[in-house]
């Protein structure tokens, strides 16, 4: 009992140490991951602020461009009014001021048309607009960007079409290039932040970066991904020069998730390594235990051989001197029994020989042996054979009888002899597949907390017990005969242990 308890404490301590190591490793890795997460969060916040500042700058640039476009529109209104004044003027009017206004426009392309869209005059236009006669969206699309300015001349009307000046065109080109680079910098950021740029309805994707394309190929997955990003960070709104609003959704980089997977992988590797070590350590332990068990058994058989031979010689001498009497016969029986025990120990570790054996006869022999050696008359040893026909199994009779005797011996030892009547019962029964040998006693029972240890070598409830009897019985039944041995029930009123053997085919 002390040895088993000691081993249990050692196992508990080793498991606790391993648990502390694993928990400590996980805690340390988790602390590192938190530090990385905090550093990354700062980078993400700095990135988001930079994006917001660049978006604000882009908005200011757009506002400036709009202001320039409004100024050009005002210039065209003034130019149209000056043209109207010149056309409607009389000879007495001083038109020099209006002529100065008209001639001052050296950058804005202008087409003056009548009500039939026939071009009447043009200014600051380049090919192919300098040769067209009638204006339309097909041949002069850039002049339709802005609505024409009407010049009411009374009886007729003229219309002033104009396009962006070279300055505005260049400004548009620069802004579009800035927008392209801006979006490219967003989706291809150097800190690997997953980014999705969508419209305000979150349905149209303009750009994405650092995201598995398989996640956005499905609309449902895309919706979930955008919602998770929006839950983690408020999206950034940007206004493009064309007037469109776009939303930038982003979240922390994949470094943290990879770190989590790495920790789990590391834990799995550690556990696998520990399991492999435990497996090989257990295999080595069982191998060593088997070697010790076999060596002890064979050494016991060897040590018993010499005195047994001497005792057999002395019995023969007594028999020749005093003749055949009851005492000498009992001594011979016990010596034969000791010889069988020695043979049994010698079988351990060797491949046993099996033969067809009558279980009825085997149990009757065991019952007969114990009947003559029970020290107290209060103990009643009973044998019940339920099957009407004899059960024949292919077993090793010496080993199987040894296992049964060990269980019967333990049952007898568990009895309380201070009580009036105690009983041990051996019962043979069967079903279609199995044969059952039940040994039942009316002893003290086995506490629940130690039931799982009683078949382990070294465990014993006796003060000076070795804890080998039931362990040997388990080895004989399960390893040599491919059966099972287990506790059916155990209470304060007694215990039933069952040996289960498969029937021969």
Protein backbone atom coordinates (compact mmCIF):
# COMPACT_ATOMS: atom_id res chain seq x y z
CA UNK A 1 0.00 0.00 0.00
CA UNK A 2 2.81 2.42 0.90
CA UNK A 3 4.68 1.68 -2.34
CA UNK A 4 1.55 2.28 -4.44
CA UNK A 5 0.77 5.47 -2.51
CA UNK A 6 4.36 6.62 -2.98
CA UNK A 7 4.20 5.97 -6.72
CA UNK A 8 0.89 7.83 -6.91
CA UNK A 9 2.44 10.84 -5.20
CA UNK A 10 5.44 10.74 -7.54
CA UNK A 11 3.11 10.61 -10.57
CA UNK A 12 1.05 13.47 -9.15
CA UNK A 13 4.16 15.58 -8.58
CA UNK A 14 5.50 14.86 -12.08
CA UNK A 15 2.14 15.71 -13.65
CA UNK A 16 1.96 18.89 -11.58
CA UNK A 17 5.49 19.89 -12.64
CA UNK A 18 4.64 19.20 -16.29
CA UNK A 19 1.43 21.20 -15.91
CA UNK A 20 3.33 24.12 -14.36
CA UNK A 21 5.87 24.02 -17.20
CA UNK A 22 3.13 24.03 -19.86
CA UNK A 23 1.15 26.79 -18.11
CA UNK A 24 4.32 28.80 -17.59
CA UNK A 25 5.27 28.46 -21.25
CA UNK A 26 1.78 29.46 -22.36
CA UNK A 27 1.77 32.43 -19.96
CA UNK A 28 5.16 33.60 -21.20
CA UNK A 29 4.16 33.22 -24.85
CA UNK A 30 0.87 34.98 -24.13
CA UNK A 31 2.68 37.90 -22.48
CA UNK A 32 4.95 38.20 -25.53
CA UNK A 33 1.91 38.08 -27.78
CA UNK A 34 0.23 40.84 -25.74
CA UNK A 35 3.32 43.02 -26.11
CA UNK A 36 3.33 42.42 -29.85
CA UNK A 37 -0.41 43.11 -29.98
CA UNK A 38 0.02 46.41 -28.10
CA UNK A 39 2.87 47.46 -30.38
CA UNK A 40 0.85 46.48 -33.44
CA UNK A 41 -2.20 48.32 -32.11
CA UNK A 42 -0.13 51.49 -31.86
CA UNK A 43 1.08 50.96 -35.43
CA UNK A 44 -2.49 50.42 -36.61
CA UNK A 45 -3.69 53.55 -34.77
CA UNK A 46 -0.82 55.55 -36.28
CA UNK A 47 -1.65 54.12 -39.72
CA UNK A 48 -5.33 55.01 -39.29
CA UNK A 49 -4.44 58.58 -38.24
CA UNK A 50 -2.13 58.91 -41.23
CA UNK A 51 -4.87 57.68 -43.55
CA UNK A 52 -7.34 60.10 -42.01
CA UNK A 53 -4.87 62.99 -42.39
CA UNK A 54 -4.18 62.06 -46.01
CA UNK A 55 -7.93 61.75 -46.63
CA UNK A 56 -8.42 65.20 -45.09
CA UNK A 57 -5.64 66.58 -47.28
CA UNK A 58 -7.26 64.96 -50.30
CA UNK A 59 -10.56 66.56 -49.30
CA UNK A 60 -8.90 69.99 -49.01
CA UNK A 61 -7.29 69.49 -52.41
CA UNK A 62 -10.68 68.60 -53.84
CA UNK A 63 -12.21 71.68 -52.24
CA UNK A 64 -9.46 73.81 -53.78
CA UNK A 65 -10.11 72.26 -57.18
CA UNK A 66 -13.83 72.94 -56.81
CA UNK A 67 -13.01 76.53 -55.97
CA UNK A 68 -10.93 76.85 -59.15
CA UNK A 69 -13.75 75.30 -61.18
CA UNK A 70 -16.22 77.81 -59.66
CA UNK A 71 -13.89 80.68 -60.49
CA UNK A 72 -13.68 79.50 -64.09
CA UNK A 73 -17.46 79.26 -64.18
CA UNK A 74 -17.71 82.86 -62.97
CA UNK A 75 -15.20 83.93 -65.61
CA UNK A 76 -17.32 82.22 -68.27
CA UNK A 77 -20.43 84.00 -66.99
CA UNK A 78 -18.61 87.32 -67.22
CA UNK A 79 -17.26 86.41 -70.67
CA UNK A 80 -20.79 85.48 -71.83
CA UNK A 81 -22.15 88.78 -70.49
CA UNK A 82 -19.36 90.71 -72.23
CA UNK A 83 -20.12 88.93 -75.48
CA UNK A 84 -23.81 89.74 -75.10
CA UNK A 85 -23.04 93.42 -74.50
CA UNK A 86 -20.82 93.64 -77.56
CA UNK A 87 -23.41 91.96 -79.81
CA UNK A 88 -26.25 94.17 -78.56
CA UNK A 89 -24.21 97.38 -78.41
CA UNK A 90 -24.77 100.61 -80.47
CA UNK A 91 -22.06 102.68 -82.10
CA UNK A 92 -22.11 105.13 -79.24
CA UNK A 93 -21.21 102.51 -76.62
CA UNK A 94 -17.71 102.20 -75.32
CA UNK A 95 -16.92 98.50 -75.80
CA UNK A 96 -13.26 98.61 -74.94
CA UNK A 97 -13.88 97.22 -71.43
CA UNK A 98 -15.86 94.22 -72.72
CA UNK A 99 -13.34 93.59 -75.46
CA UNK A 100 -10.65 93.51 -72.83
CA UNK A 101 -12.60 90.87 -70.88
CA UNK A 102 -13.05 88.69 -73.94
CA UNK A 103 -9.45 88.96 -75.04
CA UNK A 104 -8.12 88.23 -71.54
CA UNK A 105 -9.20 84.59 -71.73
CA UNK A 106 -6.11 82.76 -72.96
CA UNK A 107 -6.56 79.41 -71.23
CA UNK A 108 -10.21 78.28 -71.11
CA UNK A 109 -11.37 76.47 -74.31
CA UNK A 110 -14.63 78.02 -75.57
CA UNK A 111 -17.16 77.13 -78.29
CA UNK A 112 -19.96 79.59 -79.11
CA UNK A 113 -22.94 77.92 -80.83
CA UNK A 114 -26.35 78.96 -82.02
CA UNK A 115 -29.68 77.35 -81.32
CA UNK A 116 -28.93 74.65 -83.91
CA UNK A 117 -25.62 73.74 -82.23
CA UNK A 118 -23.68 75.30 -85.13
CA UNK A 119 -20.35 76.61 -83.97
CA UNK A 120 -20.21 80.40 -84.47
CA UNK A 121 -16.84 81.04 -82.87
CA UNK A 122 -14.12 79.26 -80.93
CA UNK A 123 -11.23 80.22 -78.73
CA UNK A 124 -8.29 78.40 -77.16
CA UNK A 125 -9.31 75.11 -78.80
CA UNK A 126 -6.90 72.54 -80.15
CA UNK A 127 -7.34 69.83 -82.76
CA UNK A 128 -9.66 68.13 -83.44
CA UNK A 129 -12.04 70.72 -81.99
CA UNK A 130 -10.78 73.49 -84.31
CA UNK A 131 -12.33 71.89 -87.42
CA UNK A 132 -15.79 70.71 -86.28
CA UNK A 133 -18.85 72.64 -87.49
CA UNK A 134 -21.57 71.36 -85.19
CA UNK A 135 -21.09 70.45 -81.54
CA UNK A 136 -22.26 67.13 -79.99
CA UNK A 137 -21.26 64.78 -77.22
CA UNK A 138 -19.74 62.44 -79.77
CA UNK A 139 -17.30 64.93 -81.26
CA UNK A 140 -16.78 67.31 -78.32
CA UNK A 141 -17.48 65.33 -75.16
CA UNK A 142 -15.22 67.36 -72.87
CA UNK A 143 -17.26 70.52 -73.58
CA UNK A 144 -20.33 68.81 -72.07
CA UNK A 145 -18.76 68.33 -68.62
CA UNK A 146 -20.31 71.60 -67.51
CA UNK A 147 -23.75 72.89 -68.47
CA UNK A 148 -23.62 75.55 -71.22
CA UNK A 149 -24.18 79.25 -70.46
CA UNK A 150 -27.13 80.78 -72.26
CA UNK A 151 -26.68 84.17 -73.98
CA UNK A 152 -30.08 85.73 -74.62
CA UNK A 153 -29.87 88.13 -77.57
CA UNK A 154 -33.59 88.86 -77.75
CA UNK A 155 -34.64 87.40 -81.07
CA UNK A 156 -32.21 84.52 -80.82
CA UNK A 157 -30.03 82.73 -78.31
CA UNK A 158 -26.44 81.67 -78.31
CA UNK A 159 -24.86 79.08 -76.04
CA UNK A 160 -21.41 79.14 -74.55
CA UNK A 161 -19.74 75.74 -74.07
CA UNK A 162 -16.45 75.58 -72.26
CA UNK A 163 -14.03 72.89 -71.01
CA UNK A 164 -11.43 72.75 -68.27
CA UNK A 165 -8.42 74.93 -68.74
CA UNK A 166 -4.99 73.38 -69.02
CA UNK A 167 -4.41 74.21 -65.35
CA UNK A 168 -7.58 72.45 -64.23
CA UNK A 169 -6.86 69.45 -66.49
CA UNK A 170 -3.39 69.13 -65.04
CA UNK A 171 -4.84 69.51 -61.56
CA UNK A 172 -7.31 66.67 -62.27
CA UNK A 173 -4.50 64.46 -63.54
CA UNK A 174 -2.42 65.13 -60.44
CA UNK A 175 -5.34 64.46 -58.10
CA UNK A 176 -6.30 61.22 -59.85
CA UNK A 177 -2.70 60.08 -59.58
CA UNK A 178 -2.70 60.99 -55.87
CA UNK A 179 -5.96 59.05 -55.36
CA UNK A 180 -4.55 55.98 -57.13
CA UNK A 181 -1.38 56.07 -55.05
CA UNK A 182 -3.42 56.76 -51.93
CA UNK A 183 -5.62 53.68 -52.45
CA UNK A 184 -2.59 51.62 -53.42
CA UNK A 185 -0.80 52.65 -50.22
CA UNK A 186 -3.90 51.74 -48.22
CA UNK A 187 -4.28 48.20 -49.54
CA UNK A 188 -0.53 47.53 -49.81
CA UNK A 189 0.50 48.87 -46.43
CA UNK A 190 3.86 47.87 -45.01
CA UNK A 191 2.44 46.61 -41.70
CA UNK A 192 0.27 43.95 -43.33
CA UNK A 193 -3.06 45.36 -42.17
CA UNK A 194 -6.06 43.64 -43.83
CA UNK A 195 -7.97 46.39 -45.67
CA UNK A 196 -11.20 46.54 -47.71
CA UNK A 197 -12.30 49.71 -49.54
CA UNK A 198 -16.03 49.78 -50.36
CA UNK A 199 -18.77 52.19 -51.24
CA UNK A 200 -21.10 53.56 -48.58
CA UNK A 201 -23.49 50.61 -49.03
CA UNK A 202 -20.69 48.13 -48.22
CA UNK A 203 -21.61 46.09 -51.31
CA UNK A 204 -19.19 47.32 -53.97
CA UNK A 205 -15.49 46.63 -53.41
CA UNK A 206 -13.02 49.11 -54.91
CA UNK A 207 -9.86 47.57 -53.51
CA UNK A 208 -8.60 45.12 -50.91
CA UNK A 209 -5.27 44.06 -49.54
CA UNK A 210 -3.70 41.48 -47.22
CA UNK A 211 -6.87 39.38 -47.40
CA UNK A 212 -7.39 35.88 -48.70
CA UNK A 213 -9.35 36.23 -51.93
CA UNK A 214 -11.34 33.12 -51.02
CA UNK A 215 -12.89 35.09 -48.13
CA UNK A 216 -14.27 37.81 -50.41
CA UNK A 217 -15.36 35.58 -53.30
CA UNK A 218 -18.49 34.69 -51.37
CA UNK A 219 -20.89 37.54 -50.54
CA UNK A 220 -21.89 36.01 -47.21
CA UNK A 221 -18.26 35.62 -46.13
CA UNK A 222 -17.54 39.17 -47.32
CA UNK A 223 -20.44 40.54 -45.27
CA UNK A 224 -19.20 38.73 -42.16
CA UNK A 225 -15.63 39.94 -42.72
CA UNK A 226 -16.70 43.57 -43.16
CA UNK A 227 -18.88 43.39 -40.04
CA UNK A 228 -16.00 41.94 -38.02
CA UNK A 229 -13.72 44.73 -39.26
CA UNK A 230 -16.32 47.37 -38.43
CA UNK A 231 -16.75 45.84 -34.96
CA UNK A 232 -13.01 46.04 -34.35
CA UNK A 233 -12.39 49.53 -35.81
CA UNK A 234 -14.60 52.38 -36.97
CA UNK A 235 -14.23 52.64 -40.77
CA UNK A 236 -12.50 55.69 -42.26
CA UNK A 237 -14.60 57.76 -44.67
CA UNK A 238 -12.85 59.45 -47.61
CA UNK A 239 -14.29 61.78 -50.26
CA UNK A 240 -12.78 61.31 -53.73
CA UNK A 241 -12.32 64.15 -56.23
CA UNK A 242 -15.17 62.76 -58.35
CA UNK A 243 -17.51 63.24 -55.39
CA UNK A 244 -17.79 59.59 -54.44
CA UNK A 245 -17.55 58.57 -50.80
CA UNK A 246 -15.64 55.43 -49.90
CA UNK A 247 -15.28 53.48 -46.65
CA UNK A 248 -11.98 51.98 -45.52
CA UNK A 249 -12.47 48.92 -43.31
CA UNK A 250 -9.44 47.54 -41.54
CA UNK A 251 -8.40 45.32 -38.66
CA UNK A 252 -5.28 44.14 -36.90
CA UNK A 253 -2.75 42.24 -38.97
CA UNK A 254 -2.53 38.48 -39.20
CA UNK A 255 0.58 38.41 -37.00
CA UNK A 256 -1.49 38.03 -33.82
CA UNK A 257 -3.66 35.24 -35.20
CA UNK A 258 -0.54 33.48 -36.47
CA UNK A 259 1.01 33.89 -33.03
CA UNK A 260 -2.06 32.27 -31.47
CA UNK A 261 -1.84 29.37 -33.93
CA UNK A 262 1.88 29.12 -33.20
CA UNK A 263 1.20 28.87 -29.47
CA UNK A 264 -1.40 26.15 -30.06
CA UNK A 265 1.00 24.34 -32.37
CA UNK A 266 3.76 24.63 -29.80
CA UNK A 267 1.42 23.29 -27.12
CA UNK A 268 0.43 20.39 -29.38
CA UNK A 269 4.10 19.59 -30.06
CA UNK A 270 4.90 19.72 -26.33
CA UNK A 271 1.95 17.46 -25.50
CA UNK A 272 2.86 15.05 -28.31
CA UNK A 273 6.46 15.00 -27.08
CA UNK A 274 5.31 14.38 -23.50
CA UNK A 275 2.96 11.61 -24.64
CA UNK A 276 5.73 9.95 -26.64
CA UNK A 277 8.04 10.12 -23.64
CA UNK A 278 5.31 8.72 -21.38
CA UNK A 279 4.60 5.94 -23.87
CA UNK A 280 8.23 4.87 -24.17
CA UNK A 281 8.83 5.31 -20.44
CA UNK A 282 5.80 3.14 -19.71
CA UNK A 283 6.90 0.56 -22.27
CA UNK A 284 10.37 0.52 -20.72
CA UNK A 285 8.88 0.31 -17.23
CA UNK A 286 6.62 -2.59 -18.22
CA UNK A 287 9.52 -4.34 -19.91
CA UNK A 288 11.69 -3.92 -16.83
CA UNK A 289 8.82 -4.99 -14.58
CA UNK A 290 8.24 -8.09 -16.70
CA UNK A 291 11.94 -8.90 -16.57
CA UNK A 292 11.98 -8.49 -12.79
CA UNK A 293 8.75 -10.48 -12.46
CA UNK A 294 10.03 -13.32 -14.63
CA UNK A 295 13.43 -13.30 -12.97
CA UNK A 296 11.91 -13.41 -9.49
CA UNK A 297 9.54 -16.23 -10.48
CA UNK A 298 12.28 -18.35 -12.00
CA UNK A 299 14.62 -17.65 -9.11
CA UNK A 300 11.86 -18.66 -6.69
CA UNK A 301 11.34 -21.93 -8.61
CA UNK A 302 15.09 -22.54 -8.60
CA UNK A 303 15.40 -21.87 -4.88
CA UNK A 304 12.46 -24.17 -4.09
CA UNK A 305 13.84 -27.00 -6.24
CA UNK A 306 16.72 -28.04 -3.98
CA UNK A 307 14.83 -28.30 -0.65
CA UNK A 308 11.89 -30.00 -2.41
CA UNK A 309 14.14 -32.71 -3.79
CA UNK A 310 15.60 -33.19 -0.33
CA UNK A 311 12.14 -33.33 1.27
CA UNK A 312 10.91 -35.89 -1.24
CA UNK A 313 13.93 -38.03 -0.34
CA UNK A 314 13.20 -37.72 3.37
CA UNK A 315 9.54 -38.68 2.80
CA UNK A 316 10.65 -41.77 0.87
CA UNK A 317 12.97 -42.63 3.76
CA UNK A 318 10.14 -42.19 6.32
CA UNK A 319 7.80 -44.26 4.17
CA UNK A 320 10.33 -47.10 3.94
CA UNK A 321 10.90 -47.01 7.68
CA UNK A 322 7.34 -46.47 9.01
CA UNK A 323 5.27 -47.66 6.09
CA UNK A 324 2.39 -45.94 4.37
CA UNK A 325 0.31 -43.98 6.93
CA UNK A 326 -2.05 -40.99 6.88
CA UNK A 327 0.44 -38.41 8.15
CA UNK A 328 3.04 -39.34 5.57
CA UNK A 329 0.39 -39.21 2.83
CA UNK A 330 -0.64 -35.66 3.86
CA UNK A 331 3.01 -34.62 3.85
CA UNK A 332 3.36 -36.07 0.37
CA UNK A 333 0.28 -34.14 -0.78
CA UNK A 334 1.73 -30.88 0.50
CA UNK A 335 5.07 -31.65 -1.09
CA UNK A 336 3.35 -32.36 -4.41
CA UNK A 337 1.52 -29.08 -3.94
CA UNK A 338 4.80 -27.26 -3.40
CA UNK A 339 6.19 -28.94 -6.49
CA UNK A 340 3.22 -27.67 -8.48
CA UNK A 341 3.82 -24.16 -7.11
CA UNK A 342 7.45 -24.40 -8.16
CA UNK A 343 6.40 -25.55 -11.61
CA UNK A 344 3.99 -22.64 -11.84
CA UNK A 345 6.72 -20.13 -11.06
CA UNK A 346 8.90 -21.79 -13.65
CA UNK A 347 6.19 -21.36 -16.30
CA UNK A 348 6.13 -17.55 -15.80
CA UNK A 349 8.01 -15.90 -18.67
CA UNK A 350 7.85 -19.01 -20.85
CA UNK A 351 5.28 -19.79 -23.46
CA UNK A 352 2.72 -21.90 -21.60
CA UNK A 353 1.32 -25.11 -23.03
CA UNK A 354 -2.43 -25.29 -23.44
CA UNK A 355 -4.64 -28.35 -23.34
CA UNK A 356 -8.34 -29.12 -23.12
CA UNK A 357 -9.30 -29.00 -19.45
CA UNK A 358 -12.57 -29.70 -17.64
CA UNK A 359 -13.39 -26.61 -15.62
CA UNK A 360 -15.70 -28.66 -13.41
CA UNK A 361 -12.88 -30.99 -12.40
CA UNK A 362 -10.46 -28.08 -12.01
CA UNK A 363 -12.81 -26.24 -9.63
CA UNK A 364 -13.64 -29.42 -7.70
CA UNK A 365 -9.92 -30.04 -7.16
CA UNK A 366 -9.41 -26.47 -5.89
CA UNK A 367 -12.47 -26.78 -3.65
CA UNK A 368 -11.22 -30.08 -2.24
CA UNK A 369 -7.78 -28.67 -1.55
CA UNK A 370 -9.05 -25.68 0.44
CA UNK A 371 -11.66 -27.72 2.35
CA UNK A 372 -8.89 -29.61 4.17
CA UNK A 373 -6.87 -26.49 4.90
CA UNK A 374 -9.44 -24.00 6.21
CA UNK A 375 -8.28 -23.27 9.77
CA UNK A 376 -11.67 -22.30 11.17
CA UNK A 377 -14.87 -24.31 11.28
CA UNK A 378 -16.93 -21.12 11.07
CA UNK A 379 -15.93 -20.72 7.43
CA UNK A 380 -18.10 -22.46 4.85
CA UNK A 381 -16.55 -22.97 1.40
CA UNK A 382 -19.16 -23.80 -1.25
CA UNK A 383 -18.93 -24.82 -4.89
CA UNK A 384 -21.81 -24.42 -7.40
CA UNK A 385 -21.65 -25.79 -10.92
CA UNK A 386 -24.59 -24.38 -12.90
CA UNK A 387 -24.03 -25.88 -16.39
CA UNK A 388 -25.47 -29.35 -16.75
CA UNK A 389 -22.81 -30.36 -19.25
CA UNK A 390 -19.12 -30.26 -18.53
CA UNK A 391 -17.32 -27.16 -19.83
CA UNK A 392 -14.09 -27.93 -21.65
CA UNK A 393 -11.70 -25.06 -22.41
CA UNK A 394 -8.22 -24.99 -23.87
CA UNK A 395 -6.21 -23.48 -21.02
CA UNK A 396 -3.07 -23.99 -19.00
CA UNK A 397 -4.45 -25.84 -15.98
CA UNK A 398 -1.56 -25.00 -13.66
CA UNK A 399 -1.70 -21.25 -14.29
CA UNK A 400 -5.50 -20.95 -14.31
CA UNK A 401 -5.86 -22.94 -11.08
CA UNK A 402 -3.15 -20.73 -9.58
CA UNK A 403 -5.14 -17.59 -10.45
CA UNK A 404 -8.35 -19.03 -8.99
CA UNK A 405 -6.55 -20.16 -5.83
CA UNK A 406 -5.12 -16.67 -5.30
CA UNK A 407 -8.59 -15.14 -5.48
CA UNK A 408 -10.04 -17.78 -3.15
CA UNK A 409 -7.14 -17.23 -0.73
CA UNK A 410 -7.80 -13.47 -0.70
CA UNK A 411 -11.51 -14.13 -0.16
CA UNK A 412 -10.74 -16.33 2.84
CA UNK A 413 -8.34 -13.72 4.24
CA UNK A 414 -11.02 -11.02 4.01
CA UNK A 415 -13.43 -12.87 6.32
CA UNK A 416 -14.05 -11.65 9.85
CA UNK A 417 -13.58 -14.79 11.98
CA UNK A 418 -15.08 -13.07 15.02
CA UNK A 419 -18.50 -13.45 13.40
CA UNK A 420 -20.52 -16.64 13.79
CA UNK A 421 -20.82 -17.70 10.17
CA UNK A 422 -18.65 -16.73 7.20
CA UNK A 423 -18.90 -18.01 3.66
CA UNK A 424 -16.91 -18.17 0.43
CA UNK A 425 -18.65 -19.32 -2.72
CA UNK A 426 -17.15 -20.56 -6.00
CA UNK A 427 -19.68 -20.56 -8.85
CA UNK A 428 -19.31 -21.69 -12.46
CA UNK A 429 -21.78 -20.29 -15.02
CA UNK A 430 -21.93 -19.54 -18.73
CA UNK A 431 -23.71 -17.81 -21.57
CA UNK A 432 -23.44 -18.19 -25.33
CA UNK A 433 -19.98 -16.62 -25.58
CA UNK A 434 -18.36 -16.69 -22.18
CA UNK A 435 -17.68 -18.83 -19.13
CA UNK A 436 -17.80 -17.11 -15.73
CA UNK A 437 -16.05 -18.15 -12.53
CA UNK A 438 -17.34 -16.06 -9.63
CA UNK A 439 -15.68 -16.04 -6.20
CA UNK A 440 -17.94 -14.43 -3.61
CA UNK A 441 -17.19 -13.83 0.05
CA UNK A 442 -19.00 -12.33 3.03
CA UNK A 443 -15.95 -10.38 4.16
CA UNK A 444 -15.27 -6.74 4.86
CA UNK A 445 -15.45 -5.58 1.25
CA UNK A 446 -13.11 -3.36 -0.74
CA UNK A 447 -13.46 0.43 -0.41
CA UNK A 448 -14.33 2.19 -3.66
CA UNK A 449 -11.26 4.40 -3.58
CA UNK A 450 -8.85 1.44 -3.76
CA UNK A 451 -10.78 -0.93 -6.02
CA UNK A 452 -8.85 0.21 -9.12
CA UNK A 453 -5.53 -0.64 -7.42
CA UNK A 454 -6.14 -4.14 -6.09
CA UNK A 455 -4.87 -5.86 -9.27
CA UNK A 456 -1.67 -3.77 -9.39
CA UNK A 457 1.60 -5.37 -8.32
CA UNK A 458 2.78 -4.12 -4.95
CA UNK A 459 -0.64 -3.09 -3.69
CA UNK A 460 -1.87 -4.82 -0.55
CA UNK A 461 -4.23 -4.00 2.30
CA UNK A 462 -2.35 -6.40 4.55
CA UNK A 463 0.29 -5.01 6.87
CA UNK A 464 3.04 -7.29 5.58
CA UNK A 465 1.52 -8.16 2.21
CA UNK A 466 3.54 -8.16 -1.01
CA UNK A 467 0.61 -7.37 -3.27
CA UNK A 468 1.42 -10.10 -5.82
CA UNK A 469 -1.49 -12.57 -5.60
CA UNK A 470 -4.21 -10.63 -7.44
CA UNK A 471 -1.67 -9.01 -9.78
CA UNK A 472 -0.48 -12.48 -10.74
CA UNK A 473 -4.09 -13.65 -11.20
CA UNK A 474 -4.76 -10.70 -13.52
CA UNK A 475 -1.64 -11.48 -15.53
CA UNK A 476 -2.58 -15.15 -15.89
CA UNK A 477 -6.20 -14.46 -16.88
CA UNK A 478 -5.69 -11.49 -19.21
CA UNK A 479 -2.27 -12.09 -20.77
CA UNK A 480 -2.08 -15.87 -20.91
CA UNK A 481 -5.77 -16.67 -21.42
CA UNK A 482 -7.09 -13.49 -23.12
CA UNK A 483 -9.85 -13.18 -20.55
CA UNK A 484 -10.97 -10.59 -18.04
CA UNK A 485 -10.88 -10.34 -14.28
CA UNK A 486 -12.78 -7.64 -12.44
CA UNK A 487 -14.83 -6.76 -9.37
CA UNK A 488 -18.53 -7.35 -9.97
CA UNK A 489 -19.59 -5.79 -6.68
CA UNK A 490 -18.13 -4.95 -3.28
CA UNK A 491 -19.94 -3.72 -0.19
CA UNK A 492 -19.48 -3.91 3.55
CA UNK A 493 -21.24 -7.30 3.36
CA UNK A 494 -18.88 -8.92 0.88
CA UNK A 495 -17.17 -8.93 -2.50
CA UNK A 496 -17.66 -10.76 -5.79
CA UNK A 497 -14.74 -11.10 -8.21
CA UNK A 498 -15.32 -12.60 -11.64
CA UNK A 499 -13.06 -14.39 -14.10
CA UNK A 500 -14.46 -14.21 -17.63
CA UNK A 501 -13.12 -16.61 -20.28
CA UNK A 502 -14.16 -16.88 -23.91
CA UNK A 503 -15.50 -20.23 -24.97
CA UNK A 504 -13.47 -22.35 -27.35
CA UNK A 505 -14.66 -22.19 -30.97
